[in-house]
Amino acid sequence: MLHMKEDADMNRKEISAGGVVYRLKDGALQIQLIQDRYGKTSLAKGKMEAGETIEETALREIWEETGITGKIISPVDIIAYKYNHPEYGIVDKEVHYYLVEAEEGTLKPQIEEINGVDWYEPQVAWNKQRQSGYGNNDVILRKALELLKISV
């Protein structure tokens, strides 16, 4: 069930949320990246369900896709784009990203949704994003790294 609403200009609107998940391991910062079902580097995210806040959506999707529970530290940014849905036509999509500190769990990719998930040193994560990620995620990862006081 897609959580969508009609807006004034009759485009459907879809809200998703996710996060840039990080952890400290042996004193070193690591960033979580997923490999999506299309083989691209990405961030855990997914569609909002009825009754959820955007923050709850972000944390649930991260847990479902990667097996990691976390806490939101700060909003990062929102990206917006349109896509053509086979049933609904043009959809206005908004994805809200948060900086999320990993708390517990074991990395376990949700194979129905993604191909893999792993932890990377920040510069390696940035290089992977630039080489095989979606262009509109560049700003998300860069802003999240800035919040973590890391320049790339």
N, C-alpha and C. Protein backbone atom coordinates (compact mmCIF):
# COMPACT_ATOMS: atom_id res chain seq x y z
N MET A 1 0.85 -1.19 0.00
CA MET A 1 0.00 0.00 0.00
C MET A 1 0.88 1.23 0.00
N LEU A 2 0.85 1.98 -1.08
CA LEU A 2 1.62 3.21 -1.16
C LEU A 2 0.94 4.28 -0.33
N HIS A 3 1.73 5.00 0.46
CA HIS A 3 1.20 6.11 1.24
C HIS A 3 1.33 7.36 0.39
N MET A 4 0.26 7.75 -0.26
CA MET A 4 0.30 8.90 -1.17
C MET A 4 -0.89 9.78 -0.89
N LYS A 5 -0.75 11.03 -1.24
CA LYS A 5 -1.90 11.91 -1.19
C LYS A 5 -1.91 12.77 -2.44
N GLU A 6 -3.09 13.20 -2.80
CA GLU A 6 -3.22 14.09 -3.96
C GLU A 6 -2.94 15.50 -3.47
N ASP A 7 -2.16 16.28 -4.22
CA ASP A 7 -2.03 17.68 -3.87
C ASP A 7 -2.81 18.52 -4.87
N ALA A 8 -2.77 19.83 -4.70
CA ALA A 8 -3.67 20.73 -5.43
C ALA A 8 -3.55 20.57 -6.95
N ASP A 9 -2.34 20.32 -7.46
CA ASP A 9 -2.19 20.22 -8.91
C ASP A 9 -2.38 18.79 -9.40
N MET A 10 -2.97 17.93 -8.57
CA MET A 10 -3.35 16.57 -8.92
C MET A 10 -2.16 15.62 -9.09
N ASN A 11 -0.96 16.10 -8.85
CA ASN A 11 0.15 15.15 -8.79
C ASN A 11 0.05 14.40 -7.48
N ARG A 12 0.46 13.17 -7.51
CA ARG A 12 0.51 12.42 -6.25
C ARG A 12 1.82 12.75 -5.56
N LYS A 13 1.77 12.69 -4.26
CA LYS A 13 2.97 12.98 -3.47
C LYS A 13 3.31 11.75 -2.65
N GLU A 14 4.58 11.42 -2.64
CA GLU A 14 5.05 10.25 -1.89
C GLU A 14 6.18 10.73 -0.99
N ILE A 15 6.11 10.32 0.27
CA ILE A 15 7.14 10.71 1.23
C ILE A 15 7.92 9.46 1.63
N SER A 16 9.23 9.57 1.56
CA SER A 16 10.11 8.52 2.05
C SER A 16 11.08 9.14 3.05
N ALA A 17 11.71 8.29 3.82
CA ALA A 17 12.70 8.78 4.78
C ALA A 17 13.77 7.72 4.98
N GLY A 18 14.95 8.18 5.35
CA GLY A 18 16.06 7.28 5.60
C GLY A 18 17.18 8.03 6.29
N GLY A 19 18.37 7.46 6.22
CA GLY A 19 19.43 8.11 6.96
C GLY A 19 20.82 7.75 6.51
N VAL A 20 21.71 8.63 6.92
CA VAL A 20 23.14 8.36 6.85
C VAL A 20 23.49 7.82 8.24
N VAL A 21 23.75 6.52 8.28
CA VAL A 21 24.00 5.83 9.55
C VAL A 21 25.51 5.78 9.77
N TYR A 22 25.92 6.09 11.00
CA TYR A 22 27.35 6.04 11.32
C TYR A 22 27.55 5.33 12.66
N ARG A 23 28.77 4.90 12.87
CA ARG A 23 29.15 4.31 14.16
C ARG A 23 30.62 4.61 14.41
N LEU A 24 31.00 4.49 15.68
CA LEU A 24 32.41 4.53 16.04
C LEU A 24 32.82 3.11 16.34
N LYS A 25 33.85 2.64 15.64
CA LYS A 25 34.37 1.30 15.90
C LYS A 25 35.86 1.43 16.18
N ASP A 26 36.26 1.02 17.38
CA ASP A 26 37.65 1.16 17.81
C ASP A 26 38.14 2.60 17.61
N GLY A 27 37.26 3.55 17.94
CA GLY A 27 37.63 4.96 17.85
C GLY A 27 37.57 5.56 16.46
N ALA A 28 37.28 4.75 15.43
CA ALA A 28 37.25 5.26 14.06
C ALA A 28 35.79 5.34 13.59
N LEU A 29 35.48 6.43 12.94
CA LEU A 29 34.14 6.64 12.42
C LEU A 29 33.93 5.81 11.16
N GLN A 30 32.76 5.17 11.07
CA GLN A 30 32.40 4.41 9.88
C GLN A 30 31.00 4.81 9.43
N ILE A 31 30.80 4.80 8.11
CA ILE A 31 29.55 5.18 7.49
C ILE A 31 28.93 3.94 6.83
N GLN A 32 27.62 3.78 7.00
CA GLN A 32 26.92 2.65 6.39
C GLN A 32 26.43 3.04 5.00
N LEU A 33 26.72 2.18 4.04
CA LEU A 33 26.16 2.33 2.70
C LEU A 33 25.50 1.02 2.31
N ILE A 34 24.46 1.13 1.50
CA ILE A 34 23.83 -0.08 0.96
C ILE A 34 24.12 -0.16 -0.53
N GLN A 35 23.99 -1.36 -1.05
CA GLN A 35 23.96 -1.54 -2.50
C GLN A 35 22.52 -1.90 -2.81
N ASP A 36 21.87 -1.05 -3.62
CA ASP A 36 20.46 -1.29 -3.88
C ASP A 36 20.26 -2.40 -4.90
N ARG A 37 19.00 -2.69 -5.20
CA ARG A 37 18.70 -3.82 -6.09
C ARG A 37 19.15 -3.57 -7.52
N TYR A 38 19.51 -2.31 -7.84
CA TYR A 38 20.01 -1.97 -9.17
C TYR A 38 21.54 -1.96 -9.21
N GLY A 39 22.18 -2.33 -8.07
CA GLY A 39 23.63 -2.37 -8.03
C GLY A 39 24.29 -1.03 -7.73
N LYS A 40 23.47 -0.03 -7.36
CA LYS A 40 24.00 1.30 -7.08
C LYS A 40 24.26 1.46 -5.59
N THR A 41 25.27 2.29 -5.28
CA THR A 41 25.54 2.67 -3.90
C THR A 41 24.44 3.62 -3.45
N SER A 42 23.91 3.40 -2.25
CA SER A 42 22.82 4.25 -1.78
C SER A 42 22.77 4.27 -0.26
N LEU A 43 21.71 4.89 0.25
CA LEU A 43 21.45 5.00 1.69
C LEU A 43 20.14 4.31 1.98
N ALA A 44 20.04 3.72 3.17
CA ALA A 44 18.79 3.04 3.54
C ALA A 44 17.66 4.06 3.61
N LYS A 45 16.56 3.75 2.96
CA LYS A 45 15.39 4.63 2.98
C LYS A 45 14.18 3.83 2.51
N GLY A 46 13.00 4.40 2.76
CA GLY A 46 11.80 3.75 2.28
C GLY A 46 10.58 4.60 2.53
N LYS A 47 9.44 4.09 2.08
CA LYS A 47 8.19 4.85 2.09
C LYS A 47 7.56 4.90 3.48
N MET A 48 6.97 6.04 3.73
CA MET A 48 6.24 6.27 4.96
C MET A 48 4.98 5.40 4.99
N GLU A 49 4.67 4.85 6.15
CA GLU A 49 3.44 4.08 6.33
C GLU A 49 2.45 4.90 7.14
N ALA A 50 1.17 4.59 6.97
CA ALA A 50 0.11 5.32 7.66
C ALA A 50 0.37 5.33 9.17
N GLY A 51 0.21 6.50 9.78
CA GLY A 51 0.36 6.61 11.23
C GLY A 51 1.77 6.86 11.71
N GLU A 52 2.74 6.84 10.82
CA GLU A 52 4.13 7.05 11.22
C GLU A 52 4.51 8.52 11.10
N THR A 53 5.44 8.95 11.95
CA THR A 53 6.11 10.23 11.71
C THR A 53 7.23 9.97 10.69
N ILE A 54 7.74 11.04 10.12
CA ILE A 54 8.84 10.89 9.16
C ILE A 54 10.06 10.29 9.85
N GLU A 55 10.32 10.71 11.10
CA GLU A 55 11.46 10.16 11.86
C GLU A 55 11.28 8.66 12.10
N GLU A 56 10.07 8.25 12.46
CA GLU A 56 9.80 6.81 12.68
C GLU A 56 10.02 6.03 11.40
N THR A 57 9.62 6.60 10.27
CA THR A 57 9.83 5.94 8.99
C THR A 57 11.32 5.71 8.75
N ALA A 58 12.12 6.75 8.97
CA ALA A 58 13.56 6.64 8.74
C ALA A 58 14.16 5.52 9.58
N LEU A 59 13.85 5.50 10.87
CA LEU A 59 14.45 4.48 11.75
C LEU A 59 13.94 3.08 11.41
N ARG A 60 12.65 2.95 11.07
CA ARG A 60 12.12 1.63 10.70
C ARG A 60 12.76 1.11 9.43
N GLU A 61 12.87 1.98 8.42
CA GLU A 61 13.46 1.54 7.16
C GLU A 61 14.92 1.14 7.33
N ILE A 62 15.68 1.90 8.11
CA ILE A 62 17.08 1.54 8.36
C ILE A 62 17.14 0.16 9.02
N TRP A 63 16.28 -0.05 10.03
CA TRP A 63 16.28 -1.34 10.71
C TRP A 63 15.86 -2.46 9.75
N GLU A 64 14.79 -2.25 8.98
CA GLU A 64 14.31 -3.30 8.07
C GLU A 64 15.35 -3.64 7.01
N GLU A 65 15.97 -2.62 6.43
CA GLU A 65 16.89 -2.86 5.32
C GLU A 65 18.26 -3.35 5.77
N THR A 66 18.71 -2.96 6.97
CA THR A 66 20.10 -3.23 7.35
C THR A 66 20.28 -4.00 8.65
N GLY A 67 19.23 -4.16 9.45
CA GLY A 67 19.36 -4.86 10.72
C GLY A 67 19.92 -4.01 11.85
N ILE A 68 20.07 -2.71 11.62
CA ILE A 68 20.67 -1.82 12.62
C ILE A 68 19.60 -0.89 13.20
N THR A 69 19.56 -0.81 14.54
CA THR A 69 18.71 0.20 15.17
C THR A 69 19.58 1.40 15.50
N GLY A 70 18.98 2.56 15.46
CA GLY A 70 19.76 3.76 15.71
C GLY A 70 18.91 4.85 16.30
N LYS A 71 19.56 5.99 16.56
CA LYS A 71 18.83 7.16 17.03
C LYS A 71 19.18 8.34 16.14
N ILE A 72 18.17 9.16 15.91
CA ILE A 72 18.36 10.33 15.06
C ILE A 72 19.14 11.39 15.83
N ILE A 73 20.21 11.88 15.20
CA ILE A 73 21.03 12.93 15.79
C ILE A 73 20.58 14.29 15.26
N SER A 74 20.27 14.33 13.97
CA SER A 74 19.96 15.62 13.35
C SER A 74 19.35 15.38 11.97
N PRO A 75 18.48 16.29 11.49
CA PRO A 75 18.09 16.23 10.09
C PRO A 75 19.29 16.56 9.21
N VAL A 76 19.36 15.98 8.02
CA VAL A 76 20.43 16.30 7.07
C VAL A 76 19.87 17.20 5.97
N ASP A 77 18.91 16.70 5.20
CA ASP A 77 18.31 17.49 4.13
C ASP A 77 17.16 16.69 3.54
N ILE A 78 16.45 17.33 2.61
CA ILE A 78 15.36 16.69 1.89
C ILE A 78 15.68 16.79 0.41
N ILE A 79 15.56 15.68 -0.29
CA ILE A 79 15.68 15.75 -1.75
C ILE A 79 14.29 15.52 -2.34
N ALA A 80 14.03 16.19 -3.44
CA ALA A 80 12.72 16.09 -4.07
C ALA A 80 12.92 15.85 -5.56
N TYR A 81 12.12 14.98 -6.11
CA TYR A 81 12.17 14.70 -7.55
C TYR A 81 10.84 14.13 -7.97
N LYS A 82 10.66 14.01 -9.26
CA LYS A 82 9.45 13.42 -9.82
C LYS A 82 9.83 12.10 -10.49
N TYR A 83 8.92 11.15 -10.45
CA TYR A 83 9.13 9.93 -11.23
C TYR A 83 7.79 9.48 -11.78
N ASN A 84 7.85 8.62 -12.78
CA ASN A 84 6.65 8.14 -13.44
C ASN A 84 6.27 6.77 -12.88
N HIS A 85 5.21 6.74 -12.10
CA HIS A 85 4.72 5.49 -11.51
C HIS A 85 3.82 4.79 -12.53
N PRO A 86 3.99 3.46 -12.73
CA PRO A 86 3.22 2.76 -13.78
C PRO A 86 1.70 2.88 -13.59
N GLU A 87 1.23 2.99 -12.36
CA GLU A 87 -0.21 3.04 -12.12
C GLU A 87 -0.71 4.47 -11.90
N TYR A 88 0.09 5.29 -11.21
CA TYR A 88 -0.39 6.60 -10.77
C TYR A 88 0.10 7.75 -11.64
N GLY A 89 1.00 7.50 -12.56
CA GLY A 89 1.55 8.59 -13.38
C GLY A 89 2.64 9.34 -12.65
N ILE A 90 2.71 10.65 -12.88
CA ILE A 90 3.79 11.45 -12.29
C ILE A 90 3.59 11.57 -10.78
N VAL A 91 4.62 11.24 -10.03
CA VAL A 91 4.59 11.31 -8.57
C VAL A 91 5.67 12.29 -8.11
N ASP A 92 5.27 13.21 -7.23
CA ASP A 92 6.24 14.09 -6.57
C ASP A 92 6.77 13.34 -5.36
N LYS A 93 8.05 13.08 -5.37
CA LYS A 93 8.66 12.30 -4.29
C LYS A 93 9.52 13.20 -3.44
N GLU A 94 9.42 13.05 -2.13
CA GLU A 94 10.27 13.75 -1.18
C GLU A 94 10.95 12.70 -0.32
N VAL A 95 12.25 12.81 -0.17
CA VAL A 95 12.98 11.89 0.72
C VAL A 95 13.67 12.71 1.79
N HIS A 96 13.30 12.43 3.03
CA HIS A 96 13.86 13.13 4.19
C HIS A 96 14.99 12.27 4.75
N TYR A 97 16.19 12.87 4.84
CA TYR A 97 17.34 12.13 5.37
C TYR A 97 17.77 12.70 6.71
N TYR A 98 18.17 11.78 7.59
CA TYR A 98 18.64 12.13 8.92
C TYR A 98 20.02 11.55 9.15
N LEU A 99 20.76 12.20 10.05
CA LEU A 99 22.00 11.63 10.55
C LEU A 99 21.62 10.72 11.70
N VAL A 100 21.99 9.44 11.59
CA VAL A 100 21.54 8.43 12.55
C VAL A 100 22.76 7.72 13.13
N GLU A 101 22.83 7.72 14.46
CA GLU A 101 23.91 6.99 15.14
C GLU A 101 23.44 5.55 15.38
N ALA A 102 24.24 4.59 14.89
CA ALA A 102 23.91 3.17 15.09
C ALA A 102 23.99 2.86 16.58
N GLU A 103 23.00 2.13 17.08
CA GLU A 103 23.00 1.75 18.49
C GLU A 103 23.27 0.27 18.68
N GLU A 104 22.54 -0.57 17.94
CA GLU A 104 22.78 -2.01 18.07
C GLU A 104 22.27 -2.73 16.84
N GLY A 105 22.59 -4.02 16.80
CA GLY A 105 22.16 -4.83 15.68
C GLY A 105 23.36 -5.37 14.93
N THR A 106 23.08 -6.32 14.06
CA THR A 106 24.08 -6.93 13.20
C THR A 106 23.67 -6.66 11.77
N LEU A 107 24.63 -6.25 10.95
CA LEU A 107 24.31 -5.96 9.55
C LEU A 107 23.69 -7.18 8.89
N LYS A 108 22.51 -6.99 8.35
CA LYS A 108 21.82 -8.08 7.68
C LYS A 108 20.97 -7.45 6.58
N PRO A 109 21.42 -7.54 5.31
CA PRO A 109 20.65 -6.90 4.25
C PRO A 109 19.29 -7.56 4.05
N GLN A 110 18.28 -6.73 3.84
CA GLN A 110 16.94 -7.21 3.52
C GLN A 110 16.95 -7.57 2.03
N ILE A 111 17.17 -8.86 1.74
CA ILE A 111 17.45 -9.25 0.35
C ILE A 111 16.30 -9.01 -0.60
N GLU A 112 15.08 -8.83 -0.08
CA GLU A 112 13.97 -8.50 -0.97
C GLU A 112 14.12 -7.07 -1.50
N GLU A 113 14.84 -6.23 -0.78
CA GLU A 113 14.92 -4.80 -1.11
C GLU A 113 16.30 -4.38 -1.60
N ILE A 114 17.35 -4.92 -1.00
CA ILE A 114 18.71 -4.46 -1.32
C ILE A 114 19.64 -5.64 -1.54
N ASN A 115 20.77 -5.37 -2.21
CA ASN A 115 21.74 -6.44 -2.48
C ASN A 115 22.79 -6.59 -1.39
N GLY A 116 23.07 -5.52 -0.65
CA GLY A 116 24.10 -5.63 0.37
C GLY A 116 24.19 -4.37 1.21
N VAL A 117 24.90 -4.49 2.34
CA VAL A 117 25.13 -3.36 3.24
C VAL A 117 26.46 -3.56 3.92
N ASP A 118 27.20 -2.47 4.14
CA ASP A 118 28.49 -2.59 4.82
C ASP A 118 28.87 -1.25 5.43
N TRP A 119 29.94 -1.27 6.25
CA TRP A 119 30.49 -0.08 6.88
C TRP A 119 31.76 0.33 6.15
N TYR A 120 31.96 1.64 6.01
CA TYR A 120 33.12 2.16 5.29
C TYR A 120 33.73 3.33 6.03
N GLU A 121 35.06 3.45 5.90
CA GLU A 121 35.71 4.68 6.37
C GLU A 121 35.09 5.85 5.59
N PRO A 122 35.01 7.04 6.18
CA PRO A 122 34.32 8.16 5.53
C PRO A 122 34.82 8.48 4.11
N GLN A 123 36.14 8.50 3.90
CA GLN A 123 36.63 8.85 2.56
C GLN A 123 36.29 7.75 1.55
N VAL A 124 36.34 6.50 1.98
CA VAL A 124 35.97 5.38 1.11
C VAL A 124 34.48 5.46 0.77
N ALA A 125 33.66 5.78 1.79
CA ALA A 125 32.21 5.91 1.56
C ALA A 125 31.95 7.03 0.54
N TRP A 126 32.66 8.15 0.70
CA TRP A 126 32.47 9.27 -0.22
C TRP A 126 32.87 8.87 -1.64
N ASN A 127 34.00 8.19 -1.78
CA ASN A 127 34.45 7.76 -3.11
C ASN A 127 33.45 6.80 -3.75
N LYS A 128 32.91 5.86 -2.95
CA LYS A 128 31.91 4.92 -3.48
C LYS A 128 30.66 5.68 -3.93
N GLN A 129 30.23 6.63 -3.12
CA GLN A 129 29.05 7.43 -3.48
C GLN A 129 29.29 8.16 -4.80
N ARG A 130 30.44 8.78 -4.94
CA ARG A 130 30.74 9.56 -6.15
C ARG A 130 30.86 8.66 -7.38
N GLN A 131 31.39 7.42 -7.19
CA GLN A 131 31.62 6.54 -8.34
C GLN A 131 30.36 5.77 -8.73
N SER A 132 29.58 5.32 -7.76
CA SER A 132 28.47 4.42 -8.12
C SER A 132 27.17 4.76 -7.40
N GLY A 133 27.06 5.97 -6.87
CA GLY A 133 25.83 6.37 -6.19
C GLY A 133 24.96 7.24 -7.06
N TYR A 134 23.82 7.61 -6.52
CA TYR A 134 22.90 8.52 -7.21
C TYR A 134 23.37 9.95 -6.96
N GLY A 135 23.38 10.75 -8.03
CA GLY A 135 23.89 12.12 -7.93
C GLY A 135 23.22 12.95 -6.85
N ASN A 136 21.90 12.76 -6.66
CA ASN A 136 21.23 13.59 -5.67
C ASN A 136 21.56 13.18 -4.23
N ASN A 137 22.27 12.06 -4.04
CA ASN A 137 22.71 11.68 -2.69
C ASN A 137 24.06 12.30 -2.34
N ASP A 138 24.77 12.87 -3.33
CA ASP A 138 26.06 13.51 -3.03
C ASP A 138 25.90 14.55 -1.92
N VAL A 139 24.91 15.43 -2.09
CA VAL A 139 24.72 16.52 -1.13
C VAL A 139 24.33 15.96 0.24
N ILE A 140 23.57 14.87 0.27
CA ILE A 140 23.15 14.27 1.54
C ILE A 140 24.37 13.74 2.29
N LEU A 141 25.20 12.96 1.61
CA LEU A 141 26.37 12.38 2.27
C LEU A 141 27.35 13.48 2.68
N ARG A 142 27.55 14.46 1.81
CA ARG A 142 28.49 15.55 2.15
C ARG A 142 28.00 16.32 3.37
N LYS A 143 26.71 16.65 3.44
CA LYS A 143 26.17 17.39 4.59
C LYS A 143 26.26 16.55 5.87
N ALA A 144 26.00 15.24 5.75
CA ALA A 144 26.08 14.37 6.93
C ALA A 144 27.53 14.33 7.43
N LEU A 145 28.49 14.21 6.51
CA LEU A 145 29.90 14.19 6.92
C LEU A 145 30.30 15.52 7.55
N GLU A 146 29.77 16.62 7.03
CA GLU A 146 30.05 17.93 7.64
C GLU A 146 29.52 17.99 9.07
N LEU A 147 28.30 17.44 9.29
CA LEU A 147 27.75 17.38 10.64
C LEU A 147 28.64 16.56 11.57
N LEU A 148 29.33 15.59 11.01
CA LEU A 148 30.26 14.74 11.78
C LEU A 148 31.68 15.35 11.81
N LYS A 149 31.82 16.57 11.30
CA LYS A 149 33.10 17.30 11.29
C LYS A 149 34.15 16.60 10.42
N ILE A 150 33.68 16.03 9.29
CA ILE A 150 34.60 15.36 8.36
C ILE A 150 34.51 16.06 7.02
N SER A 151 35.64 16.45 6.46
CA SER A 151 35.60 17.08 5.14
C SER A 151 36.13 16.09 4.13
N VAL A 152 35.48 16.06 2.96
CA VAL A 152 35.89 15.15 1.89
C VAL A 152 36.22 15.96 0.65
